[in-house]
Amino acid sequence: MHASERSTSTLPHRGSARERILAAADELFLTDGIHNTGITSLIDRAGIAKASFYSAFKSKNDLIDAYLERQHDDIVSRLHVIADADDSPEEKLSRIFDLLCTFWVQASYRGCLFVVAQIELPKSELPARRWARIHKLDVLSILGPMLERAGYADSDELAEQLCVIFDGILVAASIRPESEAFDRGRSMALALLNAASRASKKRS
């Protein structure tokens, strides 16, 4: 089915052309891929004129940059809320997995959107690679201090290990949905956290 044939019920009926285009990108980039989604499909989905697109964005790359920035800001803001809560480290980690699962349950899930974007648009001058790196580093910058405040020794190394688990889960879930990657990954991450906690207590 062509993008213009899909229902527009999920798109904002009002709002700026920029917001309507970004809403269209939210849907089409996930279902059809960034590379495969053309400007014409985005315009049709957003229900705007071609001139309105180029008034809001200089090019498709400009749109991709704004799209990835918005996705990044949304995820990072949710992670900050979890990290700053008064929950135990185990509860916080479990909530992070719940957040990851909200993306996985979508029928259009194809893996970490930043990694997928980088694979589709591998050239270093394009925004995908830059945002993939920014996103991964910002996740690390949230986890490390969160673990340090909780009293874990080598909190930065522990954060790196947890991020490796996160990335592996996102890949496994996209390739083998039946693998129960999120449940298994949650168990692995909690076991790692408990082992690190015991090591920290022995050193104190």
N, C-alpha and C. Protein backbone atom coordinates (compact mmCIF):
# COMPACT_ATOMS: atom_id res chain seq x y z
N MET A 1 0.84 -1.19 0.00
CA MET A 1 0.00 0.00 0.00
C MET A 1 0.88 1.24 0.00
N HIS A 2 0.59 2.16 -0.87
CA HIS A 2 1.36 3.39 -0.97
C HIS A 2 1.04 4.30 0.21
N ALA A 3 2.02 5.11 0.60
CA ALA A 3 1.85 5.96 1.77
C ALA A 3 0.63 6.85 1.66
N SER A 4 0.33 7.36 0.46
CA SER A 4 -0.79 8.28 0.31
C SER A 4 -2.13 7.60 0.49
N GLU A 5 -2.15 6.25 0.48
CA GLU A 5 -3.40 5.51 0.62
C GLU A 5 -3.71 5.19 2.08
N ARG A 6 -2.77 5.47 2.98
CA ARG A 6 -2.98 5.14 4.38
C ARG A 6 -3.83 6.18 5.07
N SER A 7 -4.49 5.76 6.14
CA SER A 7 -5.29 6.69 6.92
C SER A 7 -4.40 7.74 7.56
N THR A 8 -4.88 8.97 7.62
CA THR A 8 -4.11 10.04 8.26
C THR A 8 -4.63 10.33 9.66
N SER A 9 -5.38 9.39 10.25
CA SER A 9 -6.01 9.65 11.54
C SER A 9 -5.01 9.87 12.66
N THR A 10 -3.80 9.33 12.53
CA THR A 10 -2.82 9.47 13.60
C THR A 10 -2.01 10.75 13.46
N LEU A 11 -2.16 11.46 12.36
CA LEU A 11 -1.43 12.70 12.17
C LEU A 11 -2.21 13.87 12.74
N PRO A 12 -1.50 14.91 13.20
CA PRO A 12 -2.21 16.08 13.72
C PRO A 12 -3.02 16.75 12.63
N HIS A 13 -4.30 17.02 12.91
CA HIS A 13 -5.13 17.67 11.90
C HIS A 13 -4.79 19.14 11.77
N ARG A 14 -4.21 19.69 12.82
CA ARG A 14 -3.78 21.08 12.79
C ARG A 14 -2.32 21.14 13.20
N GLY A 15 -1.77 22.31 13.12
CA GLY A 15 -0.37 22.47 13.47
C GLY A 15 0.44 22.89 12.27
N SER A 16 1.67 23.21 12.53
CA SER A 16 2.54 23.70 11.47
C SER A 16 2.88 22.59 10.49
N ALA A 17 3.31 23.01 9.30
CA ALA A 17 3.75 22.03 8.31
C ALA A 17 4.91 21.21 8.86
N ARG A 18 5.78 21.83 9.62
CA ARG A 18 6.93 21.13 10.20
C ARG A 18 6.47 19.98 11.09
N GLU A 19 5.48 20.24 11.95
CA GLU A 19 5.00 19.20 12.85
C GLU A 19 4.30 18.08 12.09
N ARG A 20 3.56 18.43 11.05
CA ARG A 20 2.88 17.40 10.26
C ARG A 20 3.89 16.53 9.52
N ILE A 21 4.95 17.14 9.02
CA ILE A 21 5.98 16.38 8.32
C ILE A 21 6.71 15.45 9.29
N LEU A 22 7.04 15.95 10.47
CA LEU A 22 7.72 15.12 11.47
C LEU A 22 6.82 13.96 11.92
N ALA A 23 5.52 14.22 12.03
CA ALA A 23 4.59 13.15 12.38
C ALA A 23 4.55 12.09 11.27
N ALA A 24 4.58 12.55 10.02
CA ALA A 24 4.62 11.61 8.90
C ALA A 24 5.91 10.80 8.92
N ALA A 25 7.02 11.47 9.23
CA ALA A 25 8.31 10.77 9.31
C ALA A 25 8.30 9.73 10.42
N ASP A 26 7.65 10.05 11.55
CA ASP A 26 7.55 9.09 12.64
C ASP A 26 6.98 7.76 12.15
N GLU A 27 6.00 7.83 11.28
CA GLU A 27 5.35 6.62 10.78
C GLU A 27 6.14 5.98 9.64
N LEU A 28 6.43 6.76 8.62
CA LEU A 28 7.00 6.19 7.40
C LEU A 28 8.44 5.74 7.56
N PHE A 29 9.24 6.47 8.33
CA PHE A 29 10.62 6.06 8.53
C PHE A 29 10.69 4.73 9.27
N LEU A 30 9.75 4.50 10.18
CA LEU A 30 9.74 3.24 10.93
C LEU A 30 9.24 2.08 10.09
N THR A 31 8.17 2.31 9.33
CA THR A 31 7.57 1.20 8.59
C THR A 31 8.29 0.91 7.28
N ASP A 32 8.69 1.96 6.56
CA ASP A 32 9.26 1.78 5.22
C ASP A 32 10.78 1.97 5.17
N GLY A 33 11.34 2.54 6.23
CA GLY A 33 12.77 2.84 6.24
C GLY A 33 13.04 4.26 5.79
N ILE A 34 14.11 4.83 6.29
CA ILE A 34 14.45 6.21 5.94
C ILE A 34 14.84 6.32 4.48
N HIS A 35 15.70 5.39 4.04
CA HIS A 35 16.19 5.46 2.66
C HIS A 35 15.06 5.29 1.65
N ASN A 36 14.12 4.39 1.95
CA ASN A 36 13.05 4.08 1.00
C ASN A 36 11.91 5.10 1.00
N THR A 37 11.88 5.96 1.98
CA THR A 37 10.80 6.95 2.07
C THR A 37 11.20 8.22 1.33
N GLY A 38 10.48 8.51 0.27
CA GLY A 38 10.77 9.71 -0.51
C GLY A 38 10.00 10.92 -0.02
N ILE A 39 10.40 12.07 -0.49
CA ILE A 39 9.75 13.32 -0.10
C ILE A 39 8.29 13.33 -0.53
N THR A 40 8.00 12.76 -1.70
CA THR A 40 6.62 12.73 -2.18
C THR A 40 5.72 11.96 -1.21
N SER A 41 6.20 10.82 -0.72
CA SER A 41 5.43 10.04 0.25
C SER A 41 5.20 10.82 1.54
N LEU A 42 6.22 11.53 1.98
CA LEU A 42 6.10 12.33 3.20
C LEU A 42 5.08 13.45 3.02
N ILE A 43 5.12 14.09 1.86
CA ILE A 43 4.18 15.18 1.57
C ILE A 43 2.75 14.66 1.52
N ASP A 44 2.57 13.51 0.84
CA ASP A 44 1.24 12.91 0.76
C ASP A 44 0.72 12.53 2.14
N ARG A 45 1.60 11.93 2.94
CA ARG A 45 1.18 11.47 4.28
C ARG A 45 0.85 12.65 5.18
N ALA A 46 1.62 13.72 5.06
CA ALA A 46 1.40 14.89 5.91
C ALA A 46 0.23 15.74 5.43
N GLY A 47 -0.16 15.56 4.17
CA GLY A 47 -1.27 16.34 3.62
C GLY A 47 -0.92 17.81 3.44
N ILE A 48 0.28 18.06 2.93
CA ILE A 48 0.73 19.44 2.73
C ILE A 48 1.19 19.63 1.29
N ALA A 49 1.44 20.86 0.93
CA ALA A 49 1.96 21.17 -0.40
C ALA A 49 3.48 20.99 -0.42
N LYS A 50 4.02 20.74 -1.61
CA LYS A 50 5.46 20.56 -1.75
C LYS A 50 6.22 21.79 -1.28
N ALA A 51 5.67 22.96 -1.57
CA ALA A 51 6.34 24.20 -1.16
C ALA A 51 6.42 24.30 0.36
N SER A 52 5.41 23.75 1.04
CA SER A 52 5.40 23.79 2.51
C SER A 52 6.52 22.93 3.08
N PHE A 53 6.80 21.80 2.40
CA PHE A 53 7.89 20.95 2.86
C PHE A 53 9.21 21.72 2.82
N TYR A 54 9.49 22.34 1.68
CA TYR A 54 10.78 23.02 1.53
C TYR A 54 10.84 24.33 2.30
N SER A 55 9.70 24.80 2.76
CA SER A 55 9.70 25.95 3.66
C SER A 55 10.10 25.52 5.07
N ALA A 56 9.74 24.28 5.42
CA ALA A 56 10.05 23.76 6.76
C ALA A 56 11.43 23.12 6.83
N PHE A 57 11.84 22.45 5.74
CA PHE A 57 13.12 21.74 5.71
C PHE A 57 13.83 22.01 4.39
N LYS A 58 15.12 22.25 4.47
CA LYS A 58 15.88 22.55 3.25
C LYS A 58 16.00 21.32 2.35
N SER A 59 16.01 20.14 2.96
CA SER A 59 16.22 18.90 2.22
C SER A 59 15.75 17.73 3.06
N LYS A 60 15.78 16.54 2.48
CA LYS A 60 15.43 15.34 3.24
C LYS A 60 16.44 15.12 4.36
N ASN A 61 17.71 15.40 4.12
CA ASN A 61 18.71 15.25 5.17
C ASN A 61 18.44 16.17 6.34
N ASP A 62 17.94 17.36 6.05
CA ASP A 62 17.57 18.30 7.11
C ASP A 62 16.43 17.73 7.94
N LEU A 63 15.47 17.08 7.28
CA LEU A 63 14.36 16.43 7.99
C LEU A 63 14.88 15.27 8.83
N ILE A 64 15.76 14.45 8.27
CA ILE A 64 16.31 13.31 9.01
C ILE A 64 17.01 13.79 10.27
N ASP A 65 17.75 14.87 10.15
CA ASP A 65 18.45 15.45 11.30
C ASP A 65 17.46 15.83 12.39
N ALA A 66 16.38 16.52 12.01
CA ALA A 66 15.37 16.95 12.98
C ALA A 66 14.63 15.75 13.57
N TYR A 67 14.35 14.76 12.74
CA TYR A 67 13.65 13.56 13.19
C TYR A 67 14.47 12.80 14.23
N LEU A 68 15.74 12.56 13.94
CA LEU A 68 16.60 11.82 14.87
C LEU A 68 16.83 12.62 16.16
N GLU A 69 16.95 13.92 16.02
CA GLU A 69 17.12 14.76 17.22
C GLU A 69 15.89 14.64 18.12
N ARG A 70 14.71 14.68 17.53
CA ARG A 70 13.49 14.59 18.34
C ARG A 70 13.36 13.22 19.00
N GLN A 71 13.68 12.16 18.26
CA GLN A 71 13.64 10.82 18.84
C GLN A 71 14.63 10.70 19.99
N HIS A 72 15.83 11.22 19.77
CA HIS A 72 16.87 11.19 20.79
C HIS A 72 16.43 11.93 22.05
N ASP A 73 15.93 13.15 21.87
CA ASP A 73 15.52 13.96 23.02
C ASP A 73 14.41 13.29 23.82
N ASP A 74 13.49 12.64 23.12
CA ASP A 74 12.37 11.97 23.79
C ASP A 74 12.88 10.81 24.65
N ILE A 75 13.73 9.97 24.07
CA ILE A 75 14.23 8.81 24.80
C ILE A 75 15.11 9.24 25.98
N VAL A 76 15.99 10.19 25.73
CA VAL A 76 16.90 10.65 26.78
C VAL A 76 16.14 11.31 27.93
N SER A 77 15.10 12.07 27.61
CA SER A 77 14.32 12.70 28.68
C SER A 77 13.63 11.65 29.55
N ARG A 78 13.17 10.57 28.93
CA ARG A 78 12.55 9.48 29.71
C ARG A 78 13.58 8.78 30.58
N LEU A 79 14.78 8.60 30.04
CA LEU A 79 15.84 7.96 30.83
C LEU A 79 16.24 8.83 32.02
N HIS A 80 16.27 10.14 31.84
CA HIS A 80 16.59 11.04 32.95
C HIS A 80 15.56 10.91 34.07
N VAL A 81 14.29 10.81 33.70
CA VAL A 81 13.23 10.65 34.70
C VAL A 81 13.46 9.38 35.52
N ILE A 82 13.80 8.29 34.82
CA ILE A 82 14.06 7.03 35.51
C ILE A 82 15.29 7.14 36.40
N ALA A 83 16.37 7.70 35.87
CA ALA A 83 17.63 7.78 36.61
C ALA A 83 17.51 8.67 37.85
N ASP A 84 16.67 9.70 37.78
CA ASP A 84 16.55 10.65 38.89
C ASP A 84 15.50 10.24 39.92
N ALA A 85 14.81 9.15 39.68
CA ALA A 85 13.77 8.70 40.62
C ALA A 85 14.41 8.15 41.90
N ASP A 86 13.59 7.98 42.93
CA ASP A 86 14.07 7.47 44.22
C ASP A 86 14.02 5.95 44.31
N ASP A 87 13.92 5.28 43.18
CA ASP A 87 13.85 3.82 43.17
C ASP A 87 15.23 3.21 43.41
N SER A 88 15.25 1.92 43.70
CA SER A 88 16.51 1.20 43.83
C SER A 88 17.14 1.04 42.44
N PRO A 89 18.45 0.76 42.38
CA PRO A 89 19.09 0.54 41.07
C PRO A 89 18.42 -0.58 40.28
N GLU A 90 18.00 -1.63 40.98
CA GLU A 90 17.33 -2.74 40.29
C GLU A 90 16.00 -2.30 39.69
N GLU A 91 15.26 -1.50 40.44
CA GLU A 91 13.98 -1.00 39.92
C GLU A 91 14.19 -0.06 38.74
N LYS A 92 15.21 0.77 38.82
CA LYS A 92 15.50 1.68 37.71
C LYS A 92 15.87 0.90 36.45
N LEU A 93 16.71 -0.11 36.62
CA LEU A 93 17.12 -0.91 35.47
C LEU A 93 15.92 -1.63 34.85
N SER A 94 15.04 -2.13 35.69
CA SER A 94 13.85 -2.80 35.18
C SER A 94 12.96 -1.82 34.41
N ARG A 95 12.87 -0.59 34.89
CA ARG A 95 12.07 0.43 34.19
C ARG A 95 12.70 0.80 32.85
N ILE A 96 14.02 0.77 32.78
CA ILE A 96 14.68 1.03 31.50
C ILE A 96 14.32 -0.06 30.50
N PHE A 97 14.27 -1.31 30.96
CA PHE A 97 13.86 -2.39 30.07
C PHE A 97 12.40 -2.24 29.64
N ASP A 98 11.56 -1.77 30.55
CA ASP A 98 10.17 -1.51 30.18
C ASP A 98 10.10 -0.46 29.08
N LEU A 99 10.97 0.55 29.17
CA LEU A 99 11.02 1.59 28.14
C LEU A 99 11.44 0.99 26.80
N LEU A 100 12.47 0.15 26.81
CA LEU A 100 12.91 -0.50 25.58
C LEU A 100 11.80 -1.35 24.97
N CYS A 101 11.03 -2.00 25.83
CA CYS A 101 9.96 -2.87 25.34
C CYS A 101 8.86 -2.09 24.64
N THR A 102 8.66 -0.82 25.01
CA THR A 102 7.61 -0.03 24.36
C THR A 102 7.90 0.14 22.88
N PHE A 103 9.17 0.11 22.50
CA PHE A 103 9.52 0.20 21.08
C PHE A 103 9.42 -1.16 20.41
N TRP A 104 9.81 -2.20 21.13
CA TRP A 104 9.84 -3.54 20.56
C TRP A 104 8.44 -4.05 20.21
N VAL A 105 7.44 -3.71 21.01
CA VAL A 105 6.09 -4.24 20.78
C VAL A 105 5.43 -3.63 19.55
N GLN A 106 6.00 -2.56 19.00
CA GLN A 106 5.45 -1.99 17.78
C GLN A 106 5.64 -2.97 16.62
N ALA A 107 4.58 -3.11 15.81
CA ALA A 107 4.64 -4.05 14.69
C ALA A 107 5.75 -3.68 13.70
N SER A 108 6.10 -2.40 13.67
CA SER A 108 7.09 -1.92 12.71
C SER A 108 8.52 -2.00 13.24
N TYR A 109 8.71 -2.57 14.44
CA TYR A 109 10.04 -2.58 15.06
C TYR A 109 11.06 -3.30 14.19
N ARG A 110 12.18 -2.61 13.91
CA ARG A 110 13.25 -3.20 13.09
C ARG A 110 14.60 -3.11 13.78
N GLY A 111 14.62 -2.77 15.06
CA GLY A 111 15.87 -2.61 15.78
C GLY A 111 16.03 -1.18 16.27
N CYS A 112 17.14 -0.92 16.94
CA CYS A 112 17.43 0.44 17.41
C CYS A 112 17.37 1.40 16.23
N LEU A 113 16.50 2.40 16.32
CA LEU A 113 16.28 3.27 15.16
C LEU A 113 17.55 4.03 14.77
N PHE A 114 18.43 4.31 15.73
CA PHE A 114 19.66 5.03 15.42
C PHE A 114 20.64 4.14 14.66
N VAL A 115 20.72 2.88 15.07
CA VAL A 115 21.59 1.93 14.37
C VAL A 115 21.04 1.65 12.97
N VAL A 116 19.72 1.45 12.88
CA VAL A 116 19.10 1.21 11.58
C VAL A 116 19.33 2.39 10.65
N ALA A 117 19.19 3.60 11.19
CA ALA A 117 19.40 4.80 10.38
C ALA A 117 20.84 4.87 9.88
N GLN A 118 21.80 4.52 10.73
CA GLN A 118 23.20 4.56 10.32
C GLN A 118 23.48 3.52 9.24
N ILE A 119 22.86 2.35 9.35
CA ILE A 119 23.05 1.32 8.33
C ILE A 119 22.47 1.77 6.99
N GLU A 120 21.29 2.40 7.04
CA GLU A 120 20.66 2.86 5.81
C GLU A 120 21.41 4.03 5.19
N LEU A 121 22.01 4.87 6.04
CA LEU A 121 22.68 6.08 5.57
C LEU A 121 24.09 6.12 6.17
N PRO A 122 25.00 5.30 5.63
CA PRO A 122 26.30 5.10 6.28
C PRO A 122 27.33 6.21 6.08
N LYS A 123 27.10 7.11 5.15
CA LYS A 123 28.11 8.13 4.88
C LYS A 123 28.29 9.04 6.09
N SER A 124 29.55 9.32 6.41
CA SER A 124 29.86 10.06 7.64
C SER A 124 29.31 11.48 7.63
N GLU A 125 29.11 12.06 6.45
CA GLU A 125 28.62 13.44 6.40
C GLU A 125 27.11 13.53 6.61
N LEU A 126 26.41 12.39 6.62
CA LEU A 126 24.97 12.39 6.82
C LEU A 126 24.66 12.37 8.32
N PRO A 127 23.46 12.84 8.72
CA PRO A 127 23.16 12.99 10.15
C PRO A 127 23.01 11.68 10.91
N ALA A 128 22.75 10.57 10.24
CA ALA A 128 22.46 9.32 10.94
C ALA A 128 23.62 8.86 11.82
N ARG A 129 24.82 8.84 11.26
CA ARG A 129 25.97 8.37 12.04
C ARG A 129 26.23 9.27 13.24
N ARG A 130 26.11 10.57 13.02
CA ARG A 130 26.35 11.52 14.11
C ARG A 130 25.36 11.32 15.25
N TRP A 131 24.07 11.15 14.91
CA TRP A 131 23.07 10.98 15.96
C TRP A 131 23.17 9.61 16.63
N ALA A 132 23.59 8.60 15.89
CA ALA A 132 23.77 7.28 16.51
C ALA A 132 24.84 7.36 17.60
N ARG A 133 25.94 8.05 17.30
CA ARG A 133 27.01 8.19 18.29
C ARG A 133 26.57 9.07 19.47
N ILE A 134 25.92 10.18 19.16
CA ILE A 134 25.44 11.07 20.23
C ILE A 134 24.51 10.31 21.17
N HIS A 135 23.60 9.54 20.58
CA HIS A 135 22.61 8.83 21.39
C HIS A 135 23.26 7.82 22.31
N LYS A 136 24.15 7.00 21.76
CA LYS A 136 24.79 5.97 22.58
C LYS A 136 25.63 6.59 23.70
N LEU A 137 26.33 7.68 23.40
CA LEU A 137 27.15 8.33 24.42
C LEU A 137 26.30 8.99 25.49
N ASP A 138 25.16 9.55 25.10
CA ASP A 138 24.28 10.19 26.08
C ASP A 138 23.64 9.15 27.01
N VAL A 139 23.30 7.99 26.47
CA VAL A 139 22.78 6.92 27.32
C VAL A 139 23.84 6.53 28.36
N LEU A 140 25.07 6.40 27.91
CA LEU A 140 26.17 6.10 28.84
C LEU A 140 26.32 7.18 29.90
N SER A 141 26.18 8.43 29.48
CA SER A 141 26.37 9.55 30.41
C SER A 141 25.26 9.62 31.45
N ILE A 142 24.15 8.96 31.20
CA ILE A 142 23.06 8.89 32.19
C ILE A 142 23.28 7.70 33.12
N LEU A 143 23.63 6.55 32.54
CA LEU A 143 23.79 5.34 33.34
C LEU A 143 24.97 5.43 34.31
N GLY A 144 26.11 5.95 33.83
CA GLY A 144 27.30 6.01 34.68
C GLY A 144 27.06 6.75 35.99
N PRO A 145 26.62 8.01 35.94
CA PRO A 145 26.34 8.75 37.19
C PRO A 145 25.24 8.11 38.03
N MET A 146 24.24 7.52 37.38
CA MET A 146 23.17 6.84 38.13
C MET A 146 23.75 5.72 38.99
N LEU A 147 24.65 4.94 38.41
CA LEU A 147 25.26 3.83 39.13
C LEU A 147 26.25 4.34 40.18
N GLU A 148 26.95 5.42 39.86
CA GLU A 148 27.89 5.99 40.83
C GLU A 148 27.16 6.50 42.06
N ARG A 149 26.03 7.18 41.86
CA ARG A 149 25.24 7.68 42.99
C ARG A 149 24.74 6.53 43.86
N ALA A 150 24.51 5.38 43.23
CA ALA A 150 24.02 4.22 43.98
C ALA A 150 25.14 3.50 44.72
N GLY A 151 26.38 3.94 44.53
CA GLY A 151 27.50 3.38 45.28
C GLY A 151 28.26 2.26 44.60
N TYR A 152 28.06 2.09 43.30
CA TYR A 152 28.77 1.01 42.59
C TYR A 152 30.19 1.44 42.27
N ALA A 153 31.14 0.53 42.53
CA ALA A 153 32.51 0.76 42.11
C ALA A 153 32.61 0.55 40.60
N ASP A 154 33.53 1.24 39.96
CA ASP A 154 33.71 1.12 38.50
C ASP A 154 32.39 1.34 37.77
N SER A 155 31.68 2.40 38.15
CA SER A 155 30.34 2.64 37.59
C SER A 155 30.38 2.87 36.08
N ASP A 156 31.45 3.50 35.60
CA ASP A 156 31.53 3.74 34.15
C ASP A 156 31.68 2.43 33.38
N GLU A 157 32.49 1.52 33.90
CA GLU A 157 32.66 0.22 33.25
C GLU A 157 31.36 -0.58 33.31
N LEU A 158 30.68 -0.51 34.44
CA LEU A 158 29.40 -1.21 34.57
C LEU A 158 28.38 -0.65 33.58
N ALA A 159 28.37 0.66 33.40
CA ALA A 159 27.47 1.28 32.43
C ALA A 159 27.78 0.80 31.01
N GLU A 160 29.08 0.70 30.69
CA GLU A 160 29.47 0.20 29.37
C GLU A 160 28.96 -1.23 29.15
N GLN A 161 29.09 -2.07 30.17
CA GLN A 161 28.65 -3.46 30.05
C GLN A 161 27.14 -3.54 29.87
N LEU A 162 26.40 -2.71 30.59
CA LEU A 162 24.95 -2.70 30.45
C LEU A 162 24.53 -2.24 29.06
N CYS A 163 25.25 -1.26 28.52
CA CYS A 163 24.92 -0.77 27.18
C CYS A 163 25.18 -1.83 26.11
N VAL A 164 26.20 -2.65 26.32
CA VAL A 164 26.45 -3.76 25.40
C VAL A 164 25.27 -4.74 25.44
N ILE A 165 24.75 -4.99 26.64
CA ILE A 165 23.58 -5.86 26.76
C ILE A 165 22.38 -5.23 26.05
N PHE A 166 22.16 -3.93 26.28
CA PHE A 166 21.03 -3.25 25.63
C PHE A 166 21.12 -3.38 24.11
N ASP A 167 22.31 -3.09 23.56
CA ASP A 167 22.47 -3.12 22.11
C ASP A 167 22.25 -4.54 21.56
N GLY A 168 22.76 -5.53 22.28
CA GLY A 168 22.57 -6.91 21.84
C GLY A 168 21.12 -7.32 21.86
N ILE A 169 20.39 -6.87 22.86
CA ILE A 169 18.96 -7.18 22.95
C ILE A 169 18.20 -6.59 21.78
N LEU A 170 18.49 -5.34 21.45
CA LEU A 170 17.78 -4.67 20.36
C LEU A 170 18.00 -5.37 19.03
N VAL A 171 19.21 -5.88 18.82
CA VAL A 171 19.49 -6.63 17.59
C VAL A 171 18.77 -7.97 17.60
N ALA A 172 18.89 -8.71 18.71
CA ALA A 172 18.28 -10.04 18.79
C ALA A 172 16.76 -9.95 18.64
N ALA A 173 16.15 -8.95 19.25
CA ALA A 173 14.69 -8.81 19.18
C ALA A 173 14.22 -8.51 17.77
N SER A 174 15.04 -7.79 17.00
CA SER A 174 14.64 -7.45 15.63
C SER A 174 14.79 -8.63 14.68
N ILE A 175 15.78 -9.49 14.94
CA ILE A 175 16.04 -10.63 14.05
C ILE A 175 15.24 -11.86 14.46
N ARG A 176 15.15 -12.10 15.78
CA ARG A 176 14.43 -13.27 16.28
C ARG A 176 13.43 -12.83 17.36
N PRO A 177 12.26 -12.37 16.96
CA PRO A 177 11.28 -11.90 17.95
C PRO A 177 10.90 -12.97 18.96
N GLU A 178 11.04 -14.24 18.57
CA GLU A 178 10.66 -15.33 19.47
C GLU A 178 11.74 -15.63 20.51
N SER A 179 12.85 -14.91 20.47
CA SER A 179 13.99 -15.21 21.34
C SER A 179 13.79 -14.77 22.79
N GLU A 180 12.72 -14.03 23.06
CA GLU A 180 12.48 -13.48 24.40
C GLU A 180 13.70 -12.68 24.87
N ALA A 181 14.26 -11.92 23.93
CA ALA A 181 15.50 -11.21 24.19
C ALA A 181 15.37 -10.22 25.35
N PHE A 182 14.23 -9.56 25.46
CA PHE A 182 14.10 -8.56 26.52
C PHE A 182 14.03 -9.20 27.90
N ASP A 183 13.30 -10.30 28.01
CA ASP A 183 13.24 -10.99 29.31
C ASP A 183 14.60 -11.57 29.69
N ARG A 184 15.26 -12.19 28.71
CA ARG A 184 16.58 -12.76 28.99
C ARG A 184 17.59 -11.65 29.28
N GLY A 185 17.51 -10.58 28.51
CA GLY A 185 18.42 -9.46 28.72
C GLY A 185 18.22 -8.80 30.07
N ARG A 186 16.96 -8.69 30.48
CA ARG A 186 16.68 -8.11 31.80
C ARG A 186 17.31 -8.96 32.90
N SER A 187 17.19 -10.28 32.78
CA SER A 187 17.79 -11.18 33.77
C SER A 187 19.31 -11.05 33.78
N MET A 188 19.91 -10.97 32.59
CA MET A 188 21.36 -10.81 32.50
C MET A 188 21.82 -9.50 33.14
N ALA A 189 21.10 -8.42 32.85
CA ALA A 189 21.49 -7.11 33.37
C ALA A 189 21.35 -7.06 34.89
N LEU A 190 20.27 -7.63 35.41
CA LEU A 190 20.08 -7.63 36.87
C LEU A 190 21.13 -8.50 37.55
N ALA A 191 21.50 -9.62 36.92
CA ALA A 191 22.55 -10.47 37.48
C ALA A 191 23.88 -9.73 37.49
N LEU A 192 24.16 -8.99 36.43
CA LEU A 192 25.39 -8.20 36.37
C LEU A 192 25.38 -7.13 37.45
N LEU A 193 24.23 -6.50 37.65
CA LEU A 193 24.11 -5.46 38.67
C LEU A 193 24.32 -6.04 40.07
N ASN A 194 23.74 -7.21 40.32
CA ASN A 194 23.89 -7.84 41.63
C ASN A 194 25.33 -8.27 41.88
N ALA A 195 26.00 -8.78 40.85
CA ALA A 195 27.40 -9.17 40.99
C ALA A 195 28.27 -7.95 41.26
N ALA A 196 27.98 -6.85 40.58
CA ALA A 196 28.73 -5.62 40.79
C ALA A 196 28.48 -5.08 42.18
N SER A 197 27.26 -5.24 42.68
CA SER A 197 26.94 -4.77 44.02
C SER A 197 27.73 -5.53 45.07
N ARG A 198 27.82 -6.85 44.90
CA ARG A 198 28.59 -7.66 45.84
C ARG A 198 30.07 -7.28 45.81
N ALA A 199 30.59 -7.02 44.62
CA ALA A 199 32.00 -6.63 44.49
C ALA A 199 32.25 -5.30 45.17
N SER A 200 31.30 -4.37 45.05
CA SER A 200 31.45 -3.05 45.67
C SER A 200 31.47 -3.17 47.19
N LYS A 201 30.62 -4.05 47.74
CA LYS A 201 30.56 -4.22 49.19
C LYS A 201 31.85 -4.83 49.73
N LYS A 202 32.45 -5.75 48.97
CA LYS A 202 33.70 -6.38 49.41
C LYS A 202 34.83 -5.36 49.49
N ARG A 203 34.80 -4.36 48.58
CA ARG A 203 35.87 -3.36 48.56
C ARG A 203 35.71 -2.33 49.66
N SER A 204 34.47 -2.12 50.11
CA SER A 204 34.22 -1.06 51.10
C SER A 204 34.63 -1.50 52.50
